[in-house]
Amino acid sequence: LLSGMGADELFLGYAGHQLTLMASYFDNLPQFLKSL
């Protein structure tokens, strides 16, 4: 059998990767907007 195991780790396919990308955008917001 051929498995795709490891592709999510390699190509950033998990939901946590999307949250990390969102957080990198939020890091540029003023602190009060980030906290709100």
PDB file of all heavy atoms in Angstrom:
ATOM      1  N   LEU A   1       0.843  -1.199   0.000  1.00  0.00           N
ATOM      2  CA  LEU A   1       0.000   0.000   0.000  1.00  0.00           C
ATOM      3  C   LEU A   1       0.873   1.241   0.000  1.00  0.00           C
ATOM      4  O   LEU A   1       1.918   1.278   0.653  1.00  0.00           O
ATOM      5  CB  LEU A   1      -0.883   0.047   1.249  1.00  0.00           C
ATOM      6  CG  LEU A   1      -2.066  -0.887   1.335  1.00  0.00           C
ATOM      7  CD1 LEU A   1      -2.799  -0.677   2.658  1.00  0.00           C
ATOM      8  CD2 LEU A   1      -3.011  -0.670   0.181  1.00  0.00           C
ATOM      9  N   LEU A   2       0.422   2.247  -0.703  1.00  0.00           N
ATOM     10  CA  LEU A   2       1.084   3.543  -0.717  1.00  0.00           C
ATOM     11  C   LEU A   2       0.287   4.462   0.200  1.00  0.00           C
ATOM     12  O   LEU A   2      -0.924   4.590   0.057  1.00  0.00           O
ATOM     13  CB  LEU A   2       1.099   4.094  -2.146  1.00  0.00           C
ATOM     14  CG  LEU A   2       1.871   5.360  -2.405  1.00  0.00           C
ATOM     15  CD1 LEU A   2       3.352   5.146  -2.106  1.00  0.00           C
ATOM     16  CD2 LEU A   2       1.690   5.780  -3.855  1.00  0.00           C
ATOM     17  N   SER A   3       0.958   5.083   1.166  1.00  0.00           N
ATOM     18  CA  SER A   3       0.285   5.938   2.148  1.00  0.00           C
ATOM     19  C   SER A   3       0.739   7.382   1.997  1.00  0.00           C
ATOM     20  O   SER A   3       1.886   7.648   1.657  1.00  0.00           O
ATOM     21  CB  SER A   3       0.616   5.441   3.562  1.00  0.00           C
ATOM     22  OG  SER A   3       0.163   6.359   4.529  1.00  0.00           O
ATOM     23  N   GLY A   4      -0.155   8.284   2.308  1.00  0.00           N
ATOM     24  CA  GLY A   4       0.176   9.709   2.313  1.00  0.00           C
ATOM     25  C   GLY A   4       0.653  10.195   3.667  1.00  0.00           C
ATOM     26  O   GLY A   4       0.793  11.404   3.892  1.00  0.00           O
ATOM     27  N   MET A   5       0.919   9.247   4.580  1.00  0.00           N
ATOM     28  CA  MET A   5       1.365   9.608   5.928  1.00  0.00           C
ATOM     29  C   MET A   5       2.598  10.497   5.845  1.00  0.00           C
ATOM     30  O   MET A   5       3.543  10.199   5.127  1.00  0.00           O
ATOM     31  CB  MET A   5       1.686   8.336   6.710  1.00  0.00           C
ATOM     32  CG  MET A   5       1.923   8.569   8.176  1.00  0.00           C
ATOM     33  SD  MET A   5       0.473   9.158   9.064  1.00  0.00           S
ATOM     34  CE  MET A   5      -0.536   7.694   9.078  1.00  0.00           C
ATOM     35  N   GLY A   6       2.560  11.601   6.558  1.00  0.00           N
ATOM     36  CA  GLY A   6       3.678  12.542   6.581  1.00  0.00           C
ATOM     37  C   GLY A   6       3.454  13.759   5.699  1.00  0.00           C
ATOM     38  O   GLY A   6       4.137  14.769   5.857  1.00  0.00           O
ATOM     39  N   ALA A   7       2.487  13.693   4.793  1.00  0.00           N
ATOM     40  CA  ALA A   7       2.249  14.818   3.888  1.00  0.00           C
ATOM     41  C   ALA A   7       1.702  16.038   4.630  1.00  0.00           C
ATOM     42  O   ALA A   7       2.079  17.177   4.319  1.00  0.00           O
ATOM     43  CB  ALA A   7       1.294  14.406   2.769  1.00  0.00           C
ATOM     44  N   ASP A   8       0.830  15.826   5.617  1.00  0.00           N
ATOM     45  CA  ASP A   8       0.299  16.970   6.377  1.00  0.00           C
ATOM     46  C   ASP A   8       1.413  17.699   7.119  1.00  0.00           C
ATOM     47  O   ASP A   8       1.414  18.924   7.190  1.00  0.00           O
ATOM     48  CB  ASP A   8      -0.770  16.514   7.367  1.00  0.00           C
ATOM     49  CG  ASP A   8      -2.084  16.187   6.688  1.00  0.00           C
ATOM     50  OD1 ASP A   8      -2.441  16.888   5.730  1.00  0.00           O
ATOM     51  OD2 ASP A   8      -2.758  15.242   7.124  1.00  0.00           O
ATOM     52  N   GLU A   9       2.349  16.944   7.678  1.00  0.00           N
ATOM     53  CA  GLU A   9       3.469  17.567   8.376  1.00  0.00           C
ATOM     54  C   GLU A   9       4.379  18.309   7.397  1.00  0.00           C
ATOM     55  O   GLU A   9       4.818  19.419   7.663  1.00  0.00           O
ATOM     56  CB  GLU A   9       4.285  16.505   9.138  1.00  0.00           C
ATOM     57  CG  GLU A   9       3.582  15.912  10.333  1.00  0.00           C
ATOM     58  CD  GLU A   9       2.607  14.786   9.997  1.00  0.00           C
ATOM     59  OE1 GLU A   9       2.492  14.411   8.810  1.00  0.00           O
ATOM     60  OE2 GLU A   9       1.964  14.275  10.913  1.00  0.00           O
ATOM     61  N   LEU A  10       4.625  17.713   6.268  1.00  0.00           N
ATOM     62  CA  LEU A  10       5.534  18.297   5.285  1.00  0.00           C
ATOM     63  C   LEU A  10       4.933  19.509   4.571  1.00  0.00           C
ATOM     64  O   LEU A  10       5.609  20.516   4.354  1.00  0.00           O
ATOM     65  CB  LEU A  10       5.923  17.231   4.259  1.00  0.00           C
ATOM     66  CG  LEU A  10       6.970  17.587   3.235  1.00  0.00           C
ATOM     67  CD1 LEU A  10       8.281  17.958   3.908  1.00  0.00           C
ATOM     68  CD2 LEU A  10       7.196  16.425   2.277  1.00  0.00           C
ATOM     69  N   PHE A  11       3.645  19.413   4.227  1.00  0.00           N
ATOM     70  CA  PHE A  11       3.004  20.471   3.446  1.00  0.00           C
ATOM     71  C   PHE A  11       2.056  21.343   4.273  1.00  0.00           C
ATOM     72  O   PHE A  11       1.231  22.056   3.722  1.00  0.00           O
ATOM     73  CB  PHE A  11       2.260  19.863   2.253  1.00  0.00           C
ATOM     74  CG  PHE A  11       3.178  19.148   1.299  1.00  0.00           C
ATOM     75  CD1 PHE A  11       3.074  17.785   1.123  1.00  0.00           C
ATOM     76  CD2 PHE A  11       4.152  19.836   0.596  1.00  0.00           C
ATOM     77  CE1 PHE A  11       3.919  17.114   0.248  1.00  0.00           C
ATOM     78  CE2 PHE A  11       5.000  19.175  -0.276  1.00  0.00           C
ATOM     79  CZ  PHE A  11       4.884  17.814  -0.450  1.00  0.00           C
ATOM     80  N   LEU A  12       2.179  21.279   5.594  1.00  0.00           N
ATOM     81  CA  LEU A  12       1.407  22.117   6.519  1.00  0.00           C
ATOM     82  C   LEU A  12      -0.101  21.969   6.286  1.00  0.00           C
ATOM     83  O   LEU A  12      -0.808  22.933   6.028  1.00  0.00           O
ATOM     84  CB  LEU A  12       1.844  23.583   6.407  1.00  0.00           C
ATOM     85  CG  LEU A  12       3.336  23.845   6.595  1.00  0.00           C
ATOM     86  CD1 LEU A  12       3.686  25.286   6.289  1.00  0.00           C
ATOM     87  CD2 LEU A  12       3.799  23.458   7.977  1.00  0.00           C
ATOM     88  N   GLY A  13      -0.587  20.755   6.428  1.00  0.00           N
ATOM     89  CA  GLY A  13      -1.984  20.455   6.133  1.00  0.00           C
ATOM     90  C   GLY A  13      -2.914  20.370   7.320  1.00  0.00           C
ATOM     91  O   GLY A  13      -4.093  20.078   7.157  1.00  0.00           O
ATOM     92  N   TYR A  14      -2.438  20.616   8.523  1.00  0.00           N
ATOM     93  CA  TYR A  14      -3.293  20.534   9.705  1.00  0.00           C
ATOM     94  C   TYR A  14      -3.918  21.888  10.022  1.00  0.00           C
ATOM     95  O   TYR A  14      -3.395  22.939   9.653  1.00  0.00           O
ATOM     96  CB  TYR A  14      -2.497  20.052  10.922  1.00  0.00           C
ATOM     97  CG  TYR A  14      -2.058  18.622  10.858  1.00  0.00           C
ATOM     98  CD1 TYR A  14      -0.706  18.284  10.910  1.00  0.00           C
ATOM     99  CD2 TYR A  14      -2.981  17.581  10.745  1.00  0.00           C
ATOM    100  CE1 TYR A  14      -0.293  16.959  10.867  1.00  0.00           C
ATOM    101  CE2 TYR A  14      -2.580  16.258  10.699  1.00  0.00           C
ATOM    102  CZ  TYR A  14      -1.239  15.952  10.758  1.00  0.00           C
ATOM    103  OH  TYR A  14      -0.833  14.650  10.707  1.00  0.00           O
ATOM    104  N   ALA A  15      -5.023  21.857  10.753  1.00  0.00           N
ATOM    105  CA  ALA A  15      -5.717  23.097  11.130  1.00  0.00           C
ATOM    106  C   ALA A  15      -4.810  24.016  11.953  1.00  0.00           C
ATOM    107  O   ALA A  15      -4.889  25.236  11.824  1.00  0.00           O
ATOM    108  CB  ALA A  15      -6.988  22.768  11.908  1.00  0.00           C
ATOM    109  N   GLY A  16      -3.962  23.443  12.784  1.00  0.00           N
ATOM    110  CA  GLY A  16      -3.046  24.254  13.583  1.00  0.00           C
ATOM    111  C   GLY A  16      -2.114  25.093  12.741  1.00  0.00           C
ATOM    112  O   GLY A  16      -1.699  26.185  13.149  1.00  0.00           O
ATOM    113  N   HIS A  17      -1.803  24.613  11.549  1.00  0.00           N
ATOM    114  CA  HIS A  17      -0.951  25.396  10.644  1.00  0.00           C
ATOM    115  C   HIS A  17      -1.695  26.646  10.172  1.00  0.00           C
ATOM    116  O   HIS A  17      -1.104  27.723  10.056  1.00  0.00           O
ATOM    117  CB  HIS A  17      -0.530  24.560   9.436  1.00  0.00           C
ATOM    118  CG  HIS A  17       0.221  23.323   9.817  1.00  0.00           C
ATOM    119  ND1 HIS A  17      -0.037  22.109   9.236  1.00  0.00           N
ATOM    120  CD2 HIS A  17       1.202  23.101  10.716  1.00  0.00           C
ATOM    121  CE1 HIS A  17       0.759  21.201   9.759  1.00  0.00           C
ATOM    122  NE2 HIS A  17       1.518  21.773  10.656  1.00  0.00           N
ATOM    123  N   GLN A  18      -2.989  26.492   9.922  1.00  0.00           N
ATOM    124  CA  GLN A  18      -3.803  27.647   9.516  1.00  0.00           C
ATOM    125  C   GLN A  18      -3.926  28.652  10.659  1.00  0.00           C
ATOM    126  O   GLN A  18      -3.870  29.860  10.443  1.00  0.00           O
ATOM    127  CB  GLN A  18      -5.183  27.186   9.053  1.00  0.00           C
ATOM    128  CG  GLN A  18      -5.155  26.327   7.809  1.00  0.00           C
ATOM    129  CD  GLN A  18      -4.502  27.047   6.641  1.00  0.00           C
ATOM    130  OE1 GLN A  18      -4.806  28.199   6.363  1.00  0.00           O
ATOM    131  NE2 GLN A  18      -3.602  26.374   5.955  1.00  0.00           N
ATOM    132  N   LEU A  19      -4.091  28.146  11.891  1.00  0.00           N
ATOM    133  CA  LEU A  19      -4.168  29.042  13.045  1.00  0.00           C
ATOM    134  C   LEU A  19      -2.850  29.792  13.232  1.00  0.00           C
ATOM    135  O   LEU A  19      -2.845  30.974  13.582  1.00  0.00           O
ATOM    136  CB  LEU A  19      -4.511  28.253  14.306  1.00  0.00           C
ATOM    137  CG  LEU A  19      -5.887  27.595  14.335  1.00  0.00           C
ATOM    138  CD1 LEU A  19      -6.092  26.836  15.640  1.00  0.00           C
ATOM    139  CD2 LEU A  19      -6.995  28.598  14.115  1.00  0.00           C
ATOM    140  N   THR A  20      -1.749  29.127  12.980  1.00  0.00           N
ATOM    141  CA  THR A  20      -0.440  29.777  13.083  1.00  0.00           C
ATOM    142  C   THR A  20      -0.307  30.881  12.041  1.00  0.00           C
ATOM    143  O   THR A  20       0.190  31.973  12.342  1.00  0.00           O
ATOM    144  CB  THR A  20       0.686  28.733  12.929  1.00  0.00           C
ATOM    145  OG1 THR A  20       0.557  27.780  13.979  1.00  0.00           O
ATOM    146  CG2 THR A  20       2.055  29.374  12.973  1.00  0.00           C
ATOM    147  N   LEU A  21      -0.764  30.631  10.832  1.00  0.00           N
ATOM    148  CA  LEU A  21      -0.731  31.659   9.792  1.00  0.00           C
ATOM    149  C   LEU A  21      -1.597  32.854  10.195  1.00  0.00           C
ATOM    150  O   LEU A  21      -1.178  34.012  10.072  1.00  0.00           O
ATOM    151  CB  LEU A  21      -1.201  31.077   8.459  1.00  0.00           C
ATOM    152  CG  LEU A  21      -1.189  32.022   7.272  1.00  0.00           C
ATOM    153  CD1 LEU A  21       0.227  32.520   6.982  1.00  0.00           C
ATOM    154  CD2 LEU A  21      -1.767  31.338   6.038  1.00  0.00           C
ATOM    155  N   MET A  22      -2.802  32.570  10.701  1.00  0.00           N
ATOM    156  CA  MET A  22      -3.678  33.656  11.171  1.00  0.00           C
ATOM    157  C   MET A  22      -2.995  34.452  12.278  1.00  0.00           C
ATOM    158  O   MET A  22      -3.047  35.686  12.291  1.00  0.00           O
ATOM    159  CB  MET A  22      -5.006  33.095  11.689  1.00  0.00           C
ATOM    160  CG  MET A  22      -5.979  32.703  10.614  1.00  0.00           C
ATOM    161  SD  MET A  22      -7.499  31.935  11.258  1.00  0.00           S
ATOM    162  CE  MET A  22      -7.983  32.983  12.585  1.00  0.00           C
ATOM    163  N   ALA A  23      -2.357  33.753  13.215  1.00  0.00           N
ATOM    164  CA  ALA A  23      -1.695  34.428  14.331  1.00  0.00           C
ATOM    165  C   ALA A  23      -0.570  35.336  13.836  1.00  0.00           C
ATOM    166  O   ALA A  23      -0.351  36.413  14.397  1.00  0.00           O
ATOM    167  CB  ALA A  23      -1.164  33.412  15.332  1.00  0.00           C
ATOM    168  N   SER A  24       0.133  34.900  12.794  1.00  0.00           N
ATOM    169  CA  SER A  24       1.217  35.745  12.270  1.00  0.00           C
ATOM    170  C   SER A  24       0.658  37.046  11.709  1.00  0.00           C
ATOM    171  O   SER A  24       1.307  38.091  11.794  1.00  0.00           O
ATOM    172  CB  SER A  24       2.043  34.990  11.231  1.00  0.00           C
ATOM    173  OG  SER A  24       1.315  34.772  10.049  1.00  0.00           O
ATOM    174  N   TYR A  25      -0.555  37.019  11.141  1.00  0.00           N
ATOM    175  CA  TYR A  25      -1.203  38.248  10.680  1.00  0.00           C
ATOM    176  C   TYR A  25      -1.673  39.087  11.869  1.00  0.00           C
ATOM    177  O   TYR A  25      -1.538  40.307  11.883  1.00  0.00           O
ATOM    178  CB  TYR A  25      -2.387  37.937   9.767  1.00  0.00           C
ATOM    179  CG  TYR A  25      -2.006  37.262   8.464  1.00  0.00           C
ATOM    180  CD1 TYR A  25      -2.779  36.234   7.953  1.00  0.00           C
ATOM    181  CD2 TYR A  25      -0.880  37.650   7.746  1.00  0.00           C
ATOM    182  CE1 TYR A  25      -2.444  35.607   6.756  1.00  0.00           C
ATOM    183  CE2 TYR A  25      -0.545  37.030   6.553  1.00  0.00           C
ATOM    184  CZ  TYR A  25      -1.324  36.012   6.072  1.00  0.00           C
ATOM    185  OH  TYR A  25      -0.990  35.395   4.885  1.00  0.00           O
ATOM    186  N   PHE A  26      -2.228  38.414  12.875  1.00  0.00           N
ATOM    187  CA  PHE A  26      -2.729  39.119  14.051  1.00  0.00           C
ATOM    188  C   PHE A  26      -1.597  39.778  14.829  1.00  0.00           C
ATOM    189  O   PHE A  26      -1.825  40.759  15.522  1.00  0.00           O
ATOM    190  CB  PHE A  26      -3.501  38.153  14.964  1.00  0.00           C
ATOM    191  CG  PHE A  26      -4.975  38.112  14.679  1.00  0.00           C
ATOM    192  CD1 PHE A  26      -5.454  37.602  13.484  1.00  0.00           C
ATOM    193  CD2 PHE A  26      -5.889  38.583  15.612  1.00  0.00           C
ATOM    194  CE1 PHE A  26      -6.804  37.555  13.215  1.00  0.00           C
ATOM    195  CE2 PHE A  26      -7.244  38.537  15.357  1.00  0.00           C
ATOM    196  CZ  PHE A  26      -7.710  38.025  14.157  1.00  0.00           C
ATOM    197  N   ASP A  27      -0.396  39.249  14.733  1.00  0.00           N
ATOM    198  CA  ASP A  27       0.743  39.834  15.446  1.00  0.00           C
ATOM    199  C   ASP A  27       1.022  41.258  14.987  1.00  0.00           C
ATOM    200  O   ASP A  27       1.657  42.031  15.708  1.00  0.00           O
ATOM    201  CB  ASP A  27       1.999  38.981  15.269  1.00  0.00           C
ATOM    202  CG  ASP A  27       1.958  37.717  16.094  1.00  0.00           C
ATOM    203  OD1 ASP A  27       1.110  37.620  17.016  1.00  0.00           O
ATOM    204  OD2 ASP A  27       2.768  36.810  15.825  1.00  0.00           O
ATOM    205  N   ASN A  28       0.538  41.632  13.812  1.00  0.00           N
ATOM    206  CA  ASN A  28       0.755  42.982  13.284  1.00  0.00           C
ATOM    207  C   ASN A  28      -0.322  43.966  13.726  1.00  0.00           C
ATOM    208  O   ASN A  28      -0.216  45.154  13.441  1.00  0.00           O
ATOM    209  CB  ASN A  28       0.815  42.944  11.755  1.00  0.00           C
ATOM    210  CG  ASN A  28       1.997  42.146  11.264  1.00  0.00           C
ATOM    211  OD1 ASN A  28       3.091  42.230  11.821  1.00  0.00           O
ATOM    212  ND2 ASN A  28       1.796  41.337  10.241  1.00  0.00           N
ATOM    213  N   LEU A  29      -1.338  43.472  14.420  1.00  0.00           N
ATOM    214  CA  LEU A  29      -2.411  44.348  14.904  1.00  0.00           C
ATOM    215  C   LEU A  29      -1.984  45.053  16.187  1.00  0.00           C
ATOM    216  O   LEU A  29      -1.164  44.532  16.949  1.00  0.00           O
ATOM    217  CB  LEU A  29      -3.679  43.539  15.205  1.00  0.00           C
ATOM    218  CG  LEU A  29      -4.416  42.911  14.031  1.00  0.00           C
ATOM    219  CD1 LEU A  29      -5.575  42.060  14.545  1.00  0.00           C
ATOM    220  CD2 LEU A  29      -4.923  43.974  13.077  1.00  0.00           C
ATOM    221  N   PRO A  30      -2.582  46.212  16.452  1.00  0.00           N
ATOM    222  CA  PRO A  30      -2.343  46.838  17.759  1.00  0.00           C
ATOM    223  C   PRO A  30      -2.826  45.896  18.869  1.00  0.00           C
ATOM    224  O   PRO A  30      -3.784  45.141  18.677  1.00  0.00           O
ATOM    225  CB  PRO A  30      -3.190  48.114  17.712  1.00  0.00           C
ATOM    226  CG  PRO A  30      -3.482  48.345  16.270  1.00  0.00           C
ATOM    227  CD  PRO A  30      -3.437  47.013  15.592  1.00  0.00           C
ATOM    228  N   GLN A  31      -2.200  45.961  20.036  1.00  0.00           N
ATOM    229  CA  GLN A  31      -2.490  45.030  21.125  1.00  0.00           C
ATOM    230  C   GLN A  31      -3.961  45.053  21.534  1.00  0.00           C
ATOM    231  O   GLN A  31      -4.550  44.009  21.800  1.00  0.00           O
ATOM    232  CB  GLN A  31      -1.593  45.310  22.334  1.00  0.00           C
ATOM    233  CG  GLN A  31      -1.761  44.319  23.473  1.00  0.00           C
ATOM    234  CD  GLN A  31      -1.512  42.873  23.054  1.00  0.00           C
ATOM    235  OE1 GLN A  31      -0.567  42.588  22.329  1.00  0.00           O
ATOM    236  NE2 GLN A  31      -2.355  41.962  23.506  1.00  0.00           N
ATOM    237  N   PHE A  32      -4.592  46.229  21.560  1.00  0.00           N
ATOM    238  CA  PHE A  32      -5.995  46.282  21.997  1.00  0.00           C
ATOM    239  C   PHE A  32      -6.908  45.541  21.020  1.00  0.00           C
ATOM    240  O   PHE A  32      -7.851  44.872  21.432  1.00  0.00           O
ATOM    241  CB  PHE A  32      -6.460  47.731  22.229  1.00  0.00           C
ATOM    242  CG  PHE A  32      -6.864  48.476  20.982  1.00  0.00           C
ATOM    243  CD1 PHE A  32      -8.184  48.489  20.552  1.00  0.00           C
ATOM    244  CD2 PHE A  32      -5.915  49.165  20.237  1.00  0.00           C
ATOM    245  CE1 PHE A  32      -8.550  49.186  19.408  1.00  0.00           C
ATOM    246  CE2 PHE A  32      -6.270  49.852  19.089  1.00  0.00           C
ATOM    247  CZ  PHE A  32      -7.600  49.862  18.666  1.00  0.00           C
ATOM    248  N   LEU A  33      -6.621  45.607  19.721  1.00  0.00           N
ATOM    249  CA  LEU A  33      -7.424  44.865  18.742  1.00  0.00           C
ATOM    250  C   LEU A  33      -7.172  43.365  18.845  1.00  0.00           C
ATOM    251  O   LEU A  33      -8.088  42.555  18.731  1.00  0.00           O
ATOM    252  CB  LEU A  33      -7.107  45.332  17.319  1.00  0.00           C
ATOM    253  CG  LEU A  33      -7.795  46.577  16.828  1.00  0.00           C
ATOM    254  CD1 LEU A  33      -7.333  46.929  15.421  1.00  0.00           C
ATOM    255  CD2 LEU A  33      -9.300  46.410  16.853  1.00  0.00           C
ATOM    256  N   LYS A  34      -5.926  43.029  19.081  1.00  0.00           N
ATOM    257  CA  LYS A  34      -5.559  41.626  19.248  1.00  0.00           C
ATOM    258  C   LYS A  34      -6.277  41.037  20.470  1.00  0.00           C
ATOM    259  O   LYS A  34      -6.860  39.954  20.412  1.00  0.00           O
ATOM    260  CB  LYS A  34      -4.043  41.522  19.391  1.00  0.00           C
ATOM    261  CG  LYS A  34      -3.476  40.151  19.295  1.00  0.00           C
ATOM    262  CD  LYS A  34      -1.949  40.262  19.281  1.00  0.00           C
ATOM    263  CE  LYS A  34      -1.295  38.980  19.649  1.00  0.00           C
ATOM    264  NZ  LYS A  34       0.151  39.066  19.730  1.00  0.00           N
ATOM    265  N   SER A  35      -6.262  41.768  21.570  1.00  0.00           N
ATOM    266  CA  SER A  35      -6.919  41.309  22.799  1.00  0.00           C
ATOM    267  C   SER A  35      -8.432  41.243  22.628  1.00  0.00           C
ATOM    268  O   SER A  35      -9.068  40.286  23.084  1.00  0.00           O
ATOM    269  CB  SER A  35      -6.563  42.222  23.966  1.00  0.00           C
ATOM    270  OG  SER A  35      -5.199  42.131  24.253  1.00  0.00           O
ATOM    271  N   LEU A  36      -9.009  42.249  21.988  1.00  0.00           N
ATOM    272  CA  LEU A  36     -10.458  42.260  21.756  1.00  0.00           C
ATOM    273  C   LEU A  36     -10.863  41.079  20.883  1.00  0.00           C
ATOM    274  O   LEU A  36     -11.823  40.363  21.188  1.00  0.00           O
ATOM    275  CB  LEU A  36     -10.886  43.580  21.103  1.00  0.00           C
ATOM    276  CG  LEU A  36     -12.365  43.690  20.734  1.00  0.00           C
ATOM    277  CD1 LEU A  36     -13.233  43.640  21.985  1.00  0.00           C
ATOM    278  CD2 LEU A  36     -12.618  44.975  19.953  1.00  0.00           C
TER     279      LEU A  36
END
